[in-house]
Amino acid sequence: MITTSRFEIADYLDSPEDMLEYLEMAMEDENPDVFITALGHVAKARGMSQVAELSGLGRESLYKALKSGSKLRYETVQKVVHALGFRLSLEKSDAA
């Protein structure tokens, strides 16, 4: 009998470079849930308790905010991104 385990992306995000690349790729998707979910995966990889403490958010609030379908406020995104050791930036696209 073959046994399997649930795939958990957070188990493979083991360096800041991997985390950053994962978030950048998620930001390219038009669906905001993709980025919110990716932010949750990176927070889990870093440690939810640590991210909650550094962001000033409660751990339960953080889980709720980073759940797919949540209406995440920009202020919360900034707090979480900073707690993860990153910053958001913009660049000119080829489309404009």
N, C-alpha and C. Protein backbone atom coordinates (compact mmCIF):
# COMPACT_ATOMS: atom_id res chain seq x y z
N MET A 1 0.83 -1.17 0.00
CA MET A 1 0.00 0.00 0.00
C MET A 1 0.88 1.25 0.00
N ILE A 2 0.52 2.21 -0.81
CA ILE A 2 1.26 3.47 -0.90
C ILE A 2 0.62 4.48 0.05
N THR A 3 1.46 5.12 0.84
CA THR A 3 0.95 6.18 1.70
C THR A 3 1.46 7.52 1.18
N THR A 4 0.64 8.50 1.27
CA THR A 4 1.02 9.83 0.82
C THR A 4 0.77 10.82 1.94
N SER A 5 1.39 11.96 1.81
CA SER A 5 1.14 13.03 2.77
C SER A 5 0.76 14.28 2.00
N ARG A 6 0.09 15.15 2.67
CA ARG A 6 -0.37 16.39 2.05
C ARG A 6 0.84 17.27 1.71
N PHE A 7 0.86 17.80 0.49
CA PHE A 7 1.93 18.70 0.08
C PHE A 7 1.78 20.03 0.79
N GLU A 8 2.83 20.50 1.38
CA GLU A 8 2.82 21.78 2.10
C GLU A 8 3.96 22.64 1.56
N ILE A 9 3.62 23.66 0.77
CA ILE A 9 4.63 24.51 0.14
C ILE A 9 5.53 25.17 1.17
N ALA A 10 5.00 25.48 2.34
CA ALA A 10 5.80 26.14 3.38
C ALA A 10 7.03 25.31 3.76
N ASP A 11 6.93 24.00 3.61
CA ASP A 11 8.06 23.12 3.93
C ASP A 11 9.24 23.31 2.98
N TYR A 12 8.99 23.90 1.82
CA TYR A 12 10.02 24.07 0.80
C TYR A 12 10.50 25.52 0.65
N LEU A 13 9.91 26.40 1.41
CA LEU A 13 10.33 27.81 1.38
C LEU A 13 11.33 28.02 2.50
N ASP A 14 12.55 27.59 2.26
CA ASP A 14 13.53 27.58 3.34
C ASP A 14 14.62 28.63 3.25
N SER A 15 14.47 29.56 2.32
CA SER A 15 15.44 30.66 2.27
C SER A 15 14.69 31.94 1.92
N PRO A 16 15.20 33.08 2.35
CA PRO A 16 14.56 34.36 2.00
C PRO A 16 14.44 34.56 0.49
N GLU A 17 15.41 34.06 -0.26
CA GLU A 17 15.38 34.19 -1.72
C GLU A 17 14.21 33.40 -2.31
N ASP A 18 14.00 32.17 -1.81
CA ASP A 18 12.88 31.36 -2.28
C ASP A 18 11.55 32.02 -1.93
N MET A 19 11.46 32.55 -0.73
CA MET A 19 10.23 33.21 -0.28
C MET A 19 9.93 34.43 -1.14
N LEU A 20 10.94 35.23 -1.40
CA LEU A 20 10.77 36.43 -2.20
C LEU A 20 10.34 36.08 -3.62
N GLU A 21 10.98 35.11 -4.22
CA GLU A 21 10.63 34.70 -5.58
C GLU A 21 9.19 34.18 -5.63
N TYR A 22 8.80 33.42 -4.63
CA TYR A 22 7.44 32.88 -4.55
C TYR A 22 6.41 34.02 -4.46
N LEU A 23 6.68 35.01 -3.62
CA LEU A 23 5.77 36.15 -3.48
C LEU A 23 5.71 36.99 -4.75
N GLU A 24 6.85 37.19 -5.39
CA GLU A 24 6.88 37.96 -6.65
C GLU A 24 6.05 37.27 -7.72
N MET A 25 6.16 35.95 -7.82
CA MET A 25 5.38 35.22 -8.81
C MET A 25 3.89 35.31 -8.49
N ALA A 26 3.54 35.24 -7.22
CA ALA A 26 2.14 35.33 -6.82
C ALA A 26 1.55 36.71 -7.12
N MET A 27 2.37 37.75 -7.00
CA MET A 27 1.90 39.10 -7.27
C MET A 27 1.55 39.31 -8.74
N GLU A 28 2.13 38.51 -9.61
CA GLU A 28 1.88 38.65 -11.03
C GLU A 28 0.49 38.15 -11.43
N ASP A 29 -0.12 37.34 -10.57
CA ASP A 29 -1.45 36.81 -10.87
C ASP A 29 -2.50 37.90 -10.63
N GLU A 30 -3.48 37.97 -11.51
CA GLU A 30 -4.54 38.98 -11.38
C GLU A 30 -5.47 38.71 -10.21
N ASN A 31 -5.55 37.48 -9.76
CA ASN A 31 -6.42 37.11 -8.65
C ASN A 31 -5.72 37.45 -7.34
N PRO A 32 -6.25 38.39 -6.55
CA PRO A 32 -5.58 38.77 -5.29
C PRO A 32 -5.49 37.63 -4.29
N ASP A 33 -6.37 36.64 -4.39
CA ASP A 33 -6.30 35.50 -3.47
C ASP A 33 -4.99 34.72 -3.62
N VAL A 34 -4.42 34.74 -4.81
CA VAL A 34 -3.15 34.03 -5.04
C VAL A 34 -2.05 34.66 -4.18
N PHE A 35 -1.98 35.99 -4.17
CA PHE A 35 -0.96 36.66 -3.35
C PHE A 35 -1.24 36.48 -1.86
N ILE A 36 -2.49 36.61 -1.46
CA ILE A 36 -2.84 36.45 -0.04
C ILE A 36 -2.46 35.05 0.44
N THR A 37 -2.78 34.05 -0.36
CA THR A 37 -2.44 32.67 0.00
C THR A 37 -0.93 32.48 0.07
N ALA A 38 -0.21 33.04 -0.90
CA ALA A 38 1.25 32.94 -0.90
C ALA A 38 1.85 33.62 0.33
N LEU A 39 1.30 34.76 0.69
CA LEU A 39 1.76 35.48 1.88
C LEU A 39 1.56 34.60 3.12
N GLY A 40 0.44 33.90 3.17
CA GLY A 40 0.19 32.96 4.26
C GLY A 40 1.18 31.81 4.29
N HIS A 41 1.53 31.29 3.11
CA HIS A 41 2.51 30.20 3.05
C HIS A 41 3.88 30.66 3.55
N VAL A 42 4.27 31.86 3.15
CA VAL A 42 5.58 32.38 3.57
C VAL A 42 5.57 32.66 5.08
N ALA A 43 4.47 33.21 5.57
CA ALA A 43 4.36 33.46 7.01
C ALA A 43 4.45 32.14 7.79
N LYS A 44 3.82 31.12 7.28
CA LYS A 44 3.89 29.80 7.94
C LYS A 44 5.31 29.26 7.91
N ALA A 45 6.00 29.45 6.79
CA ALA A 45 7.39 28.99 6.69
C ALA A 45 8.29 29.72 7.67
N ARG A 46 8.04 31.00 7.89
CA ARG A 46 8.84 31.80 8.82
C ARG A 46 8.47 31.52 10.26
N GLY A 47 7.21 31.13 10.47
CA GLY A 47 6.70 30.91 11.82
C GLY A 47 5.61 31.93 12.13
N MET A 48 4.37 31.48 12.17
CA MET A 48 3.24 32.39 12.37
C MET A 48 3.37 33.20 13.65
N SER A 49 3.81 32.58 14.71
CA SER A 49 3.94 33.30 15.99
C SER A 49 4.92 34.46 15.87
N GLN A 50 6.06 34.20 15.23
CA GLN A 50 7.07 35.24 15.05
C GLN A 50 6.54 36.36 14.16
N VAL A 51 5.88 36.01 13.06
CA VAL A 51 5.33 37.01 12.14
C VAL A 51 4.24 37.82 12.84
N ALA A 52 3.41 37.16 13.62
CA ALA A 52 2.35 37.85 14.36
C ALA A 52 2.96 38.87 15.33
N GLU A 53 3.98 38.44 16.05
CA GLU A 53 4.62 39.33 17.02
C GLU A 53 5.27 40.53 16.33
N LEU A 54 6.02 40.28 15.26
CA LEU A 54 6.72 41.36 14.56
C LEU A 54 5.76 42.32 13.83
N SER A 55 4.61 41.80 13.42
CA SER A 55 3.65 42.64 12.70
C SER A 55 2.70 43.37 13.64
N GLY A 56 2.66 42.95 14.90
CA GLY A 56 1.75 43.57 15.86
C GLY A 56 0.33 43.04 15.75
N LEU A 57 0.17 41.94 15.04
CA LEU A 57 -1.15 41.32 14.89
C LEU A 57 -1.24 40.09 15.79
N GLY A 58 -2.43 39.77 16.23
CA GLY A 58 -2.63 38.53 16.97
C GLY A 58 -2.48 37.35 16.04
N ARG A 59 -2.04 36.22 16.57
CA ARG A 59 -1.82 35.04 15.74
C ARG A 59 -3.10 34.59 15.05
N GLU A 60 -4.20 34.57 15.77
CA GLU A 60 -5.48 34.17 15.18
C GLU A 60 -5.92 35.16 14.11
N SER A 61 -5.69 36.45 14.37
CA SER A 61 -6.03 37.47 13.38
C SER A 61 -5.20 37.31 12.12
N LEU A 62 -3.95 36.93 12.30
CA LEU A 62 -3.06 36.73 11.17
C LEU A 62 -3.53 35.56 10.31
N TYR A 63 -3.87 34.45 10.95
CA TYR A 63 -4.40 33.30 10.21
C TYR A 63 -5.64 33.70 9.42
N LYS A 64 -6.53 34.43 10.07
CA LYS A 64 -7.78 34.85 9.42
C LYS A 64 -7.50 35.79 8.25
N ALA A 65 -6.58 36.73 8.44
CA ALA A 65 -6.26 37.72 7.40
C ALA A 65 -5.62 37.08 6.18
N LEU A 66 -4.84 36.03 6.39
CA LEU A 66 -4.09 35.41 5.29
C LEU A 66 -4.81 34.21 4.68
N LYS A 67 -6.07 34.09 4.98
CA LYS A 67 -6.89 33.02 4.41
C LYS A 67 -7.42 33.45 3.05
N SER A 68 -7.40 32.55 2.10
CA SER A 68 -7.92 32.86 0.77
C SER A 68 -9.35 33.39 0.87
N GLY A 69 -9.62 34.47 0.15
CA GLY A 69 -10.94 35.07 0.15
C GLY A 69 -11.10 36.19 1.16
N SER A 70 -10.08 36.41 1.99
CA SER A 70 -10.18 37.49 2.96
C SER A 70 -10.06 38.83 2.24
N LYS A 71 -10.60 39.83 2.84
CA LYS A 71 -10.51 41.20 2.29
C LYS A 71 -9.37 41.90 3.04
N LEU A 72 -8.17 41.54 2.67
CA LEU A 72 -6.96 42.03 3.35
C LEU A 72 -6.75 43.51 3.07
N ARG A 73 -6.57 44.27 4.13
CA ARG A 73 -6.31 45.71 3.99
C ARG A 73 -4.84 45.94 3.66
N TYR A 74 -4.59 47.02 2.94
CA TYR A 74 -3.22 47.37 2.56
C TYR A 74 -2.33 47.52 3.80
N GLU A 75 -2.86 48.12 4.83
CA GLU A 75 -2.10 48.31 6.07
C GLU A 75 -1.63 46.97 6.64
N THR A 76 -2.49 45.97 6.58
CA THR A 76 -2.13 44.64 7.07
C THR A 76 -1.08 44.00 6.18
N VAL A 77 -1.23 44.16 4.88
CA VAL A 77 -0.22 43.64 3.94
C VAL A 77 1.14 44.23 4.27
N GLN A 78 1.18 45.54 4.46
CA GLN A 78 2.45 46.21 4.78
C GLN A 78 3.07 45.66 6.06
N LYS A 79 2.25 45.49 7.09
CA LYS A 79 2.76 44.97 8.37
C LYS A 79 3.33 43.57 8.21
N VAL A 80 2.62 42.72 7.49
CA VAL A 80 3.07 41.34 7.31
C VAL A 80 4.32 41.29 6.44
N VAL A 81 4.32 42.02 5.35
CA VAL A 81 5.48 42.04 4.46
C VAL A 81 6.72 42.53 5.21
N HIS A 82 6.57 43.57 6.01
CA HIS A 82 7.70 44.08 6.81
C HIS A 82 8.15 43.05 7.84
N ALA A 83 7.19 42.38 8.49
CA ALA A 83 7.54 41.36 9.48
C ALA A 83 8.30 40.21 8.84
N LEU A 84 8.05 39.96 7.56
CA LEU A 84 8.75 38.90 6.85
C LEU A 84 10.14 39.34 6.37
N GLY A 85 10.42 40.63 6.52
CA GLY A 85 11.74 41.13 6.12
C GLY A 85 11.79 41.61 4.68
N PHE A 86 10.63 41.91 4.10
CA PHE A 86 10.56 42.37 2.72
C PHE A 86 9.90 43.74 2.65
N ARG A 87 9.86 44.30 1.45
CA ARG A 87 9.13 45.54 1.21
C ARG A 87 8.49 45.44 -0.16
N LEU A 88 7.40 46.14 -0.35
CA LEU A 88 6.72 46.16 -1.63
C LEU A 88 7.32 47.29 -2.47
N SER A 89 7.41 47.08 -3.76
CA SER A 89 7.88 48.14 -4.66
C SER A 89 7.18 47.99 -5.99
N LEU A 90 7.26 49.04 -6.78
CA LEU A 90 6.64 49.05 -8.10
C LEU A 90 7.72 49.23 -9.16
N GLU A 91 7.40 48.76 -10.34
CA GLU A 91 8.28 49.00 -11.49
C GLU A 91 7.41 49.18 -12.70
N LYS A 92 7.92 49.88 -13.68
CA LYS A 92 7.18 50.15 -14.90
C LYS A 92 7.02 48.85 -15.69
N SER A 93 5.79 48.66 -16.18
CA SER A 93 5.54 47.45 -16.98
C SER A 93 5.72 47.76 -18.44
N ASP A 94 5.83 46.74 -19.25
CA ASP A 94 5.96 46.90 -20.69
C ASP A 94 4.65 47.32 -21.33
N ALA A 95 3.54 47.09 -20.63
CA ALA A 95 2.21 47.38 -21.19
C ALA A 95 1.90 48.86 -21.21
N ALA A 96 2.52 49.62 -20.35
CA ALA A 96 2.19 51.07 -20.27
C ALA A 96 3.08 51.92 -21.13
